[in-house]
Protein backbone atom coordinates (compact mmCIF):
# COMPACT_ATOMS: atom_id res chain seq x y z
CA ILE A 1 10.94 3.74 1.76
CA VAL A 2 8.13 1.12 2.67
CA VAL A 3 7.59 2.25 6.08
CA ASP A 4 7.30 6.28 5.66
CA ASP A 5 3.67 6.22 4.59
CA ALA A 6 2.64 4.67 7.98
CA ILE A 7 5.40 7.16 9.73
CA ILE A 8 3.79 10.22 7.72
CA VAL A 9 0.21 9.24 9.11
CA ILE A 10 1.05 8.48 12.17
CA GLU A 11 3.31 11.36 13.33
CA ASN A 12 0.38 13.49 11.94
CA VAL A 13 -2.04 12.11 13.94
CA GLU A 14 0.12 12.17 17.42
CA ARG A 15 1.13 16.17 16.18
CA LEU A 16 -2.90 16.49 16.20
CA MET A 17 -3.33 14.83 19.29
CA SER A 18 -0.96 17.14 20.96
CA GLN A 19 -1.55 20.47 19.41
CA GLU A 20 -4.96 20.59 19.00
CA GLY A 21 -6.14 18.31 21.79
CA LEU A 22 -8.40 16.29 19.53
CA SER A 23 -9.17 12.69 20.97
CA PRO A 24 -7.14 9.91 18.79
CA ARG A 25 -10.26 9.22 16.64
CA GLU A 26 -10.69 12.94 15.54
CA ALA A 27 -7.00 13.25 15.08
CA SER A 28 -7.12 10.27 12.61
CA PHE A 29 -9.91 11.56 10.47
CA LYS A 30 -8.14 15.20 10.35
CA ALA A 31 -4.77 13.76 9.71
CA MET A 32 -6.06 11.37 6.59
CA GLU A 33 -7.78 14.59 5.41
CA GLU A 34 -4.31 16.41 4.96
CA VAL A 35 -1.97 13.38 4.53
CA THR A 36 -3.88 11.38 1.90
CA GLY A 37 -3.15 13.65 -1.12
CA PRO A 38 0.69 13.26 -0.37
CA VAL A 39 0.64 9.59 0.52
CA ILE A 40 -0.70 9.06 -2.77
CA ALA A 41 1.82 11.36 -4.79
CA ILE A 42 5.12 9.44 -2.89
CA VAL A 43 3.45 6.44 -4.42
CA LEU A 44 3.22 7.22 -7.75
CA VAL A 45 6.61 9.07 -7.77
CA LEU A 46 8.16 5.74 -6.46
CA SER A 47 6.21 3.75 -9.02
CA ALA A 48 7.39 6.05 -11.93
CA VAL A 49 10.77 5.91 -10.85
CA PHE A 50 11.15 1.96 -10.77
CA ILE A 51 8.73 0.90 -13.13
CA PRO A 52 10.48 2.02 -16.49
CA VAL A 53 13.63 0.09 -14.61
CA ALA A 54 11.66 -2.91 -15.34
CA PHE A 55 11.58 -2.57 -18.97
CA LEU A 56 15.38 -2.30 -19.39
CA GLY A 57 16.97 -4.49 -22.22
CA GLY A 58 19.71 -6.45 -21.86
CA LEU A 59 22.07 -8.25 -18.88
CA SER A 60 21.10 -5.06 -16.46
CA GLY A 61 17.44 -5.35 -17.21
CA GLN A 62 17.36 -8.61 -16.52
CA MET A 63 19.26 -8.46 -13.20
CA TYR A 64 17.17 -5.04 -12.14
CA GLN A 65 13.97 -6.74 -13.51
CA GLN A 66 12.79 -8.50 -10.28
CA PHE A 67 14.33 -5.67 -7.95
CA ALA A 68 12.17 -3.10 -9.75
CA ILE A 69 9.10 -5.17 -9.73
CA THR A 70 9.74 -5.73 -6.02
CA ILE A 71 10.06 -2.21 -5.12
CA VAL A 72 6.64 -1.03 -6.64
CA VAL A 73 4.59 -3.68 -5.37
CA SER A 74 5.82 -3.06 -2.03
CA VAL A 75 5.49 0.67 -2.28
CA ILE A 76 1.94 0.37 -3.29
CA ILE A 77 1.23 -2.01 -0.94
CA SER A 78 2.50 0.37 1.85
CA GLY A 79 0.46 3.07 0.39
CA VAL A 80 -2.78 1.02 0.54
CA VAL A 81 -1.51 -0.31 4.23
CA ALA A 82 -0.96 3.69 5.12
CA LEU A 83 -4.64 4.66 3.74
CA THR A 84 -6.06 2.48 5.22
CA LEU A 85 -5.26 1.38 8.56
């Protein structure tokens, strides 16, 4: 889940370089224009799935709370890294 965002960006840059013959810099700019929306959507959807788990009550809530928080924070950081590097 975490590396998926970066893979999307890198594959799109590589596709643009091979199909359209763009330089790495031009391909990076064009790729970011194309994949920014989907990467943000992936981060929001995955966060929306795991955030409610952090608020479960009872024993299962205690067991899954740290897992859910870790996943959400990791996905958000992965999205930020994919969009900024």
